[in-house]
């Protein structure tokens, strides 16, 4: 399941991703609560193997957020570039390191148009991947 940050647009991000996977916006998880950034990792633990998608690098591109219970994907894009997320996500999910839920779990990744950087639960190393040539 993909959990989409509230800051992302439904038409540009949520709806295209819903066509390829089970997807929910954070606002639908706790409908009577304003979910602050620090609550998101706690809420993710309520789901089996979720992947959280955001453009909030300041709030989520942090090694200490690594957990075996979920994956966090921070897309290094401007707000006006949200429309790129679905295609970048599809490309990311083709990479061996992100292809399955089991492989994604424990990762906090920064996904940009140039490369993918990620931390893995239980590992202090910063991993860097280049996009394969198309």
C-alpha atoms as a PDB file:
ATOM      1  CA  UNK A   1       0.000   0.000   0.000  1.00  0.00           C
ATOM      2  CA  UNK A   2       1.139   3.495  -0.848  1.00  0.00           C
ATOM      3  CA  UNK A   3       0.309   6.269   1.617  1.00  0.00           C
ATOM      4  CA  UNK A   4       0.321   9.729   0.021  1.00  0.00           C
ATOM      5  CA  UNK A   5       1.295  12.865   1.948  1.00  0.00           C
ATOM      6  CA  UNK A   6      -1.460  15.462   2.338  1.00  0.00           C
ATOM      7  CA  UNK A   7       0.715  18.068   0.614  1.00  0.00           C
ATOM      8  CA  UNK A   8       0.467  16.188  -2.685  1.00  0.00           C
ATOM      9  CA  UNK A   9      -2.287  16.854  -5.204  1.00  0.00           C
ATOM     10  CA  UNK A  10      -4.942  14.183  -5.774  1.00  0.00           C
ATOM     11  CA  UNK A  11      -5.169  14.738  -9.544  1.00  0.00           C
ATOM     12  CA  UNK A  12      -1.407  14.841 -10.107  1.00  0.00           C
ATOM     13  CA  UNK A  13      -0.212  12.148  -7.698  1.00  0.00           C
ATOM     14  CA  UNK A  14      -2.898  10.144  -5.884  1.00  0.00           C
ATOM     15  CA  UNK A  15      -5.121   9.290  -8.849  1.00  0.00           C
ATOM     16  CA  UNK A  16      -2.326   8.174 -11.222  1.00  0.00           C
ATOM     17  CA  UNK A  17      -0.752   5.982  -8.530  1.00  0.00           C
ATOM     18  CA  UNK A  18      -4.163   4.478  -7.677  1.00  0.00           C
ATOM     19  CA  UNK A  19      -4.198   3.053 -11.196  1.00  0.00           C
ATOM     20  CA  UNK A  20      -1.190   0.855 -10.412  1.00  0.00           C
ATOM     21  CA  UNK A  21      -1.457   0.131  -6.670  1.00  0.00           C
ATOM     22  CA  UNK A  22      -3.564   0.356  -3.533  1.00  0.00           C
ATOM     23  CA  UNK A  23      -3.217   3.953  -2.385  1.00  0.00           C
ATOM     24  CA  UNK A  24      -4.556   6.122   0.453  1.00  0.00           C
ATOM     25  CA  UNK A  25      -3.952   9.733   1.385  1.00  0.00           C
ATOM     26  CA  UNK A  26      -2.825  10.386   4.964  1.00  0.00           C
ATOM     27  CA  UNK A  27      -5.963  12.473   5.538  1.00  0.00           C
ATOM     28  CA  UNK A  28      -8.125   9.343   5.079  1.00  0.00           C
ATOM     29  CA  UNK A  29      -6.216   7.389   7.728  1.00  0.00           C
ATOM     30  CA  UNK A  30      -7.190   9.687  10.607  1.00  0.00           C
ATOM     31  CA  UNK A  31     -10.165  11.648   9.307  1.00  0.00           C
ATOM     32  CA  UNK A  32     -10.774  13.488  12.601  1.00  0.00           C
ATOM     33  CA  UNK A  33      -7.146  14.387  13.204  1.00  0.00           C
ATOM     34  CA  UNK A  34      -4.690  16.782  11.624  1.00  0.00           C
ATOM     35  CA  UNK A  35      -1.698  14.535  11.081  1.00  0.00           C
ATOM     36  CA  UNK A  36       1.593  16.290  11.798  1.00  0.00           C
ATOM     37  CA  UNK A  37       4.862  15.007  10.299  1.00  0.00           C
ATOM     38  CA  UNK A  38       6.041  13.433  13.548  1.00  0.00           C
ATOM     39  CA  UNK A  39       2.880  11.253  13.699  1.00  0.00           C
ATOM     40  CA  UNK A  40       3.306   9.780  10.213  1.00  0.00           C
ATOM     41  CA  UNK A  41       5.863   7.060  11.162  1.00  0.00           C
ATOM     42  CA  UNK A  42       3.580   5.970  14.015  1.00  0.00           C
ATOM     43  CA  UNK A  43       0.569   5.759  11.680  1.00  0.00           C
ATOM     44  CA  UNK A  44       2.535   3.824   9.065  1.00  0.00           C
ATOM     45  CA  UNK A  45       3.033   1.025  11.598  1.00  0.00           C
ATOM     46  CA  UNK A  46      -0.743   0.412  11.509  1.00  0.00           C
ATOM     47  CA  UNK A  47      -0.437  -0.977   7.969  1.00  0.00           C
ATOM     48  CA  UNK A  48       1.322  -4.041   6.597  1.00  0.00           C
ATOM     49  CA  UNK A  49       4.423  -2.919   4.662  1.00  0.00           C
ATOM     50  CA  UNK A  50       3.335   0.591   3.601  1.00  0.00           C
ATOM     51  CA  UNK A  51       5.331   2.969   1.430  1.00  0.00           C
ATOM     52  CA  UNK A  52       4.901   6.663   2.247  1.00  0.00           C
ATOM     53  CA  UNK A  53       5.296   9.168  -0.613  1.00  0.00           C
ATOM     54  CA  UNK A  54       6.141  12.825   0.006  1.00  0.00           C
ATOM     55  CA  UNK A  55       8.058  15.838  -1.305  1.00  0.00           C
ATOM     56  CA  UNK A  56       8.769  17.049   2.245  1.00  0.00           C
ATOM     57  CA  UNK A  57      12.501  16.356   2.388  1.00  0.00           C
ATOM     58  CA  UNK A  58      12.978  18.522   5.483  1.00  0.00           C
ATOM     59  CA  UNK A  59      10.510  16.393   7.417  1.00  0.00           C
ATOM     60  CA  UNK A  60      11.222  12.899   6.099  1.00  0.00           C
ATOM     61  CA  UNK A  61      14.661  12.566   4.465  1.00  0.00           C
ATOM     62  CA  UNK A  62      16.216  11.469   7.750  1.00  0.00           C
ATOM     63  CA  UNK A  63      18.218   8.361   8.554  1.00  0.00           C
ATOM     64  CA  UNK A  64      16.669   7.988  12.013  1.00  0.00           C
ATOM     65  CA  UNK A  65      13.238   7.374  10.408  1.00  0.00           C
ATOM     66  CA  UNK A  66      14.389   4.020   8.976  1.00  0.00           C
ATOM     67  CA  UNK A  67      12.177   1.200  10.240  1.00  0.00           C
ATOM     68  CA  UNK A  68      11.701  -2.383   9.114  1.00  0.00           C
ATOM     69  CA  UNK A  69       7.930  -1.686   9.237  1.00  0.00           C
ATOM     70  CA  UNK A  70       7.695   0.784   6.327  1.00  0.00           C
ATOM     71  CA  UNK A  71       9.419   2.652   3.481  1.00  0.00           C
ATOM     72  CA  UNK A  72       9.572   6.426   3.022  1.00  0.00           C
ATOM     73  CA  UNK A  73      10.113   7.891  -0.450  1.00  0.00           C
ATOM     74  CA  UNK A  74      10.986  11.604  -0.492  1.00  0.00           C
ATOM     75  CA  UNK A  75      10.791  12.974  -3.994  1.00  0.00           C
ATOM     76  CA  UNK A  76      13.222  15.873  -4.434  1.00  0.00           C
ATOM     77  CA  UNK A  77      10.865  17.981  -6.491  1.00  0.00           C
ATOM     78  CA  UNK A  78       9.306  21.399  -6.280  1.00  0.00           C
ATOM     79  CA  UNK A  79       5.608  21.625  -5.509  1.00  0.00           C
ATOM     80  CA  UNK A  80       5.016  22.566  -9.153  1.00  0.00           C
ATOM     81  CA  UNK A  81       6.755  19.338 -10.260  1.00  0.00           C
ATOM     82  CA  UNK A  82       4.449  16.904  -8.457  1.00  0.00           C
ATOM     83  CA  UNK A  83       3.188  15.607 -11.770  1.00  0.00           C
ATOM     84  CA  UNK A  84       6.578  13.844 -12.172  1.00  0.00           C
ATOM     85  CA  UNK A  85       6.064  11.617  -9.119  1.00  0.00           C
ATOM     86  CA  UNK A  86       4.001   8.829 -10.759  1.00  0.00           C
ATOM     87  CA  UNK A  87       6.503   8.305 -13.583  1.00  0.00           C
ATOM     88  CA  UNK A  88       9.510   8.471 -11.244  1.00  0.00           C
ATOM     89  CA  UNK A  89       7.769   6.002  -8.932  1.00  0.00           C
ATOM     90  CA  UNK A  90       7.181   3.541 -11.785  1.00  0.00           C
ATOM     91  CA  UNK A  91      10.864   3.778 -12.758  1.00  0.00           C
ATOM     92  CA  UNK A  92      11.939   3.357  -9.133  1.00  0.00           C
ATOM     93  CA  UNK A  93       9.800   0.250  -8.689  1.00  0.00           C
ATOM     94  CA  UNK A  94      11.648  -1.394 -11.601  1.00  0.00           C
ATOM     95  CA  UNK A  95      14.973  -1.185  -9.758  1.00  0.00           C
ATOM     96  CA  UNK A  96      15.975  -4.386  -7.912  1.00  0.00           C
ATOM     97  CA  UNK A  97      16.395  -2.488  -4.613  1.00  0.00           C
ATOM     98  CA  UNK A  98      12.774  -1.236  -4.700  1.00  0.00           C
ATOM     99  CA  UNK A  99      10.963  -3.785  -6.864  1.00  0.00           C
ATOM    100  CA  UNK A 100       9.047  -5.572  -4.089  1.00  0.00           C
ATOM    101  CA  UNK A 101       7.540  -4.543  -0.782  1.00  0.00           C
ATOM    102  CA  UNK A 102      10.026  -6.769   1.005  1.00  0.00           C
ATOM    103  CA  UNK A 103      12.958  -5.024  -0.690  1.00  0.00           C
ATOM    104  CA  UNK A 104      11.554  -1.527   0.026  1.00  0.00           C
ATOM    105  CA  UNK A 105      10.898  -2.054   3.711  1.00  0.00           C
ATOM    106  CA  UNK A 106      13.398  -0.362   5.986  1.00  0.00           C
ATOM    107  CA  UNK A 107      14.414   2.261   3.442  1.00  0.00           C
ATOM    108  CA  UNK A 108      14.185   6.041   3.608  1.00  0.00           C
ATOM    109  CA  UNK A 109      14.982   7.293   0.117  1.00  0.00           C
ATOM    110  CA  UNK A 110      15.517  10.605  -1.620  1.00  0.00           C
ATOM    111  CA  UNK A 111      14.393  10.235  -5.216  1.00  0.00           C
ATOM    112  CA  UNK A 112      15.466  12.899  -7.682  1.00  0.00           C
ATOM    113  CA  UNK A 113      15.535  13.092 -11.445  1.00  0.00           C
ATOM    114  CA  UNK A 114      19.317  12.577 -11.277  1.00  0.00           C
ATOM    115  CA  UNK A 115      19.680   9.727  -8.758  1.00  0.00           C
ATOM    116  CA  UNK A 116      18.307   7.772  -5.825  1.00  0.00           C
ATOM    117  CA  UNK A 117      19.895   7.981  -2.389  1.00  0.00           C
ATOM    118  CA  UNK A 118      18.705   5.874   0.503  1.00  0.00           C
ATOM    119  CA  UNK A 119      19.380   4.685   4.017  1.00  0.00           C
ATOM    120  CA  UNK A 120      18.505   1.151   5.067  1.00  0.00           C
ATOM    121  CA  UNK A 121      17.354   0.053   8.526  1.00  0.00           C
ATOM    122  CA  UNK A 122      20.279  -1.416  10.473  1.00  0.00           C
ATOM    123  CA  UNK A 123      22.862   0.111   8.110  1.00  0.00           C
ATOM    124  CA  UNK A 124      24.612   3.463   8.569  1.00  0.00           C
ATOM    125  CA  UNK A 125      25.764   3.691   4.951  1.00  0.00           C
ATOM    126  CA  UNK A 126      24.264   6.117   2.449  1.00  0.00           C
ATOM    127  CA  UNK A 127      23.491   4.125  -0.706  1.00  0.00           C
ATOM    128  CA  UNK A 128      23.498   5.955  -4.051  1.00  0.00           C
ATOM    129  CA  UNK A 129      21.970   4.608  -7.268  1.00  0.00           C
ATOM    130  CA  UNK A 130      21.979   6.080 -10.735  1.00  0.00           C
ATOM    131  CA  UNK A 131      18.970   5.793 -12.977  1.00  0.00           C
ATOM    132  CA  UNK A 132      19.475   3.188 -15.690  1.00  0.00           C
ATOM    133  CA  UNK A 133      19.778   4.583 -19.193  1.00  0.00           C
ATOM    134  CA  UNK A 134      16.480   4.399 -21.054  1.00  0.00           C
END
